[in-house]
Amino acid sequence: MVEQILTLKEVAAYLKLAEKTAYRLASEGKLPGFKVGGSWRFKKDDLEKWIEHAKRT
């Protein structure tokens, strides 16, 4: 299984958010992401789990 890694821009589009909002949520630890060389990256599987968890709360 190949894990898909998304950029901040791709995550913003995927979640239908402004890039600024996605950046703020990631910086605050509210979006499951990690930094590579100063740039945010996100595993699509982690985002889907985060969405499912958010739907239950």
N, C-alpha and C. Protein backbone atom coordinates (compact mmCIF):
# COMPACT_ATOMS: atom_id res chain seq x y z
N MET A 1 0.85 -1.19 0.00
CA MET A 1 0.00 0.00 0.00
C MET A 1 0.88 1.24 0.00
N VAL A 2 0.62 2.14 -0.91
CA VAL A 2 1.39 3.38 -1.01
C VAL A 2 0.64 4.47 -0.26
N GLU A 3 1.33 5.09 0.70
CA GLU A 3 0.70 6.17 1.44
C GLU A 3 0.83 7.46 0.66
N GLN A 4 -0.25 8.18 0.60
CA GLN A 4 -0.24 9.43 -0.13
C GLN A 4 0.09 10.57 0.83
N ILE A 5 1.09 11.36 0.47
CA ILE A 5 1.50 12.53 1.25
C ILE A 5 1.01 13.77 0.52
N LEU A 6 0.34 14.64 1.25
CA LEU A 6 -0.24 15.85 0.67
C LEU A 6 0.49 17.09 1.17
N THR A 7 0.52 18.12 0.35
CA THR A 7 1.06 19.41 0.75
C THR A 7 -0.05 20.22 1.43
N LEU A 8 0.33 21.33 2.00
CA LEU A 8 -0.64 22.20 2.65
C LEU A 8 -1.70 22.67 1.65
N LYS A 9 -1.26 23.03 0.47
CA LYS A 9 -2.19 23.49 -0.57
C LYS A 9 -3.19 22.39 -0.93
N GLU A 10 -2.69 21.17 -1.06
CA GLU A 10 -3.58 20.04 -1.40
C GLU A 10 -4.56 19.74 -0.27
N VAL A 11 -4.08 19.84 0.97
CA VAL A 11 -4.96 19.61 2.13
C VAL A 11 -6.05 20.68 2.20
N ALA A 12 -5.68 21.91 1.95
CA ALA A 12 -6.66 23.00 1.96
C ALA A 12 -7.75 22.73 0.91
N ALA A 13 -7.35 22.30 -0.28
CA ALA A 13 -8.32 21.99 -1.33
C ALA A 13 -9.16 20.78 -0.94
N TYR A 14 -8.53 19.75 -0.38
CA TYR A 14 -9.22 18.52 0.02
C TYR A 14 -10.28 18.80 1.08
N LEU A 15 -9.94 19.67 2.04
CA LEU A 15 -10.87 20.01 3.12
C LEU A 15 -11.73 21.23 2.80
N LYS A 16 -11.52 21.80 1.62
CA LYS A 16 -12.24 23.00 1.19
C LYS A 16 -12.08 24.14 2.21
N LEU A 17 -10.81 24.40 2.53
CA LEU A 17 -10.43 25.48 3.44
C LEU A 17 -9.51 26.44 2.72
N ALA A 18 -9.41 27.64 3.26
CA ALA A 18 -8.38 28.57 2.78
C ALA A 18 -7.03 28.03 3.24
N GLU A 19 -5.98 28.27 2.46
CA GLU A 19 -4.65 27.80 2.85
C GLU A 19 -4.23 28.36 4.20
N LYS A 20 -4.58 29.61 4.47
CA LYS A 20 -4.25 30.23 5.76
C LYS A 20 -4.88 29.46 6.92
N THR A 21 -6.12 29.05 6.72
CA THR A 21 -6.84 28.31 7.77
C THR A 21 -6.19 26.95 7.99
N ALA A 22 -5.86 26.25 6.93
CA ALA A 22 -5.19 24.95 7.04
C ALA A 22 -3.85 25.11 7.74
N TYR A 23 -3.11 26.16 7.40
CA TYR A 23 -1.81 26.41 8.03
C TYR A 23 -1.99 26.66 9.53
N ARG A 24 -2.97 27.49 9.87
CA ARG A 24 -3.22 27.80 11.29
C ARG A 24 -3.59 26.54 12.07
N LEU A 25 -4.48 25.73 11.51
CA LEU A 25 -4.90 24.49 12.19
C LEU A 25 -3.72 23.54 12.37
N ALA A 26 -2.87 23.43 11.36
CA ALA A 26 -1.69 22.57 11.46
C ALA A 26 -0.73 23.11 12.52
N SER A 27 -0.50 24.41 12.52
CA SER A 27 0.41 25.04 13.48
C SER A 27 -0.07 24.88 14.91
N GLU A 28 -1.38 24.90 15.09
CA GLU A 28 -1.99 24.74 16.42
C GLU A 28 -2.10 23.28 16.84
N GLY A 29 -1.70 22.36 15.97
CA GLY A 29 -1.77 20.94 16.28
C GLY A 29 -3.16 20.35 16.12
N LYS A 30 -4.04 21.07 15.47
CA LYS A 30 -5.42 20.61 15.28
C LYS A 30 -5.58 19.75 14.03
N LEU A 31 -4.64 19.86 13.11
CA LEU A 31 -4.62 19.00 11.92
C LEU A 31 -3.41 18.07 12.06
N PRO A 32 -3.57 16.79 11.75
CA PRO A 32 -2.45 15.85 11.90
C PRO A 32 -1.45 15.99 10.76
N GLY A 33 -0.38 16.70 11.01
CA GLY A 33 0.63 16.91 9.98
C GLY A 33 2.02 16.92 10.58
N PHE A 34 3.01 17.06 9.72
CA PHE A 34 4.41 17.11 10.15
C PHE A 34 5.17 18.01 9.19
N LYS A 35 6.29 18.51 9.65
CA LYS A 35 7.08 19.40 8.81
C LYS A 35 8.27 18.67 8.22
N VAL A 36 8.53 18.97 6.96
CA VAL A 36 9.71 18.45 6.26
C VAL A 36 10.42 19.68 5.69
N GLY A 37 11.57 19.97 6.21
CA GLY A 37 12.33 21.13 5.73
C GLY A 37 11.56 22.43 5.85
N GLY A 38 10.74 22.56 6.87
CA GLY A 38 9.99 23.79 7.08
C GLY A 38 8.65 23.85 6.37
N SER A 39 8.33 22.82 5.58
CA SER A 39 7.05 22.78 4.86
C SER A 39 6.15 21.71 5.46
N TRP A 40 4.88 22.03 5.58
CA TRP A 40 3.93 21.07 6.13
C TRP A 40 3.63 19.96 5.13
N ARG A 41 3.50 18.74 5.66
CA ARG A 41 3.08 17.57 4.88
C ARG A 41 2.06 16.80 5.71
N PHE A 42 1.18 16.10 5.02
CA PHE A 42 0.08 15.40 5.68
C PHE A 42 -0.13 14.04 5.03
N LYS A 43 -0.32 13.01 5.86
CA LYS A 43 -0.66 11.69 5.33
C LYS A 43 -2.17 11.65 5.13
N LYS A 44 -2.60 11.27 3.95
CA LYS A 44 -4.03 11.25 3.64
C LYS A 44 -4.78 10.33 4.60
N ASP A 45 -4.19 9.19 4.95
CA ASP A 45 -4.83 8.27 5.90
C ASP A 45 -5.07 8.95 7.24
N ASP A 46 -4.09 9.73 7.72
CA ASP A 46 -4.25 10.44 8.99
C ASP A 46 -5.38 11.46 8.91
N LEU A 47 -5.48 12.15 7.79
CA LEU A 47 -6.55 13.13 7.61
C LEU A 47 -7.92 12.46 7.62
N GLU A 48 -8.03 11.31 6.97
CA GLU A 48 -9.30 10.61 6.92
C GLU A 48 -9.70 10.11 8.31
N LYS A 49 -8.73 9.65 9.11
CA LYS A 49 -9.00 9.24 10.50
C LYS A 49 -9.43 10.45 11.32
N TRP A 50 -8.77 11.60 11.11
CA TRP A 50 -9.10 12.83 11.82
C TRP A 50 -10.53 13.27 11.50
N ILE A 51 -10.92 13.16 10.24
CA ILE A 51 -12.28 13.51 9.82
C ILE A 51 -13.29 12.60 10.50
N GLU A 52 -13.03 11.30 10.50
CA GLU A 52 -13.95 10.35 11.14
C GLU A 52 -14.09 10.63 12.63
N HIS A 53 -12.98 10.95 13.29
CA HIS A 53 -13.01 11.28 14.72
C HIS A 53 -13.81 12.57 14.95
N ALA A 54 -13.60 13.56 14.10
CA ALA A 54 -14.32 14.84 14.24
C ALA A 54 -15.82 14.65 14.04
N LYS A 55 -16.21 13.72 13.17
CA LYS A 55 -17.62 13.46 12.94
C LYS A 55 -18.30 12.86 14.16
N ARG A 56 -17.55 12.11 14.96
CA ARG A 56 -18.12 11.44 16.15
C ARG A 56 -18.21 12.35 17.37
N THR A 57 -17.50 13.47 17.34
CA THR A 57 -17.50 14.35 18.52
C THR A 57 -18.39 15.55 18.34
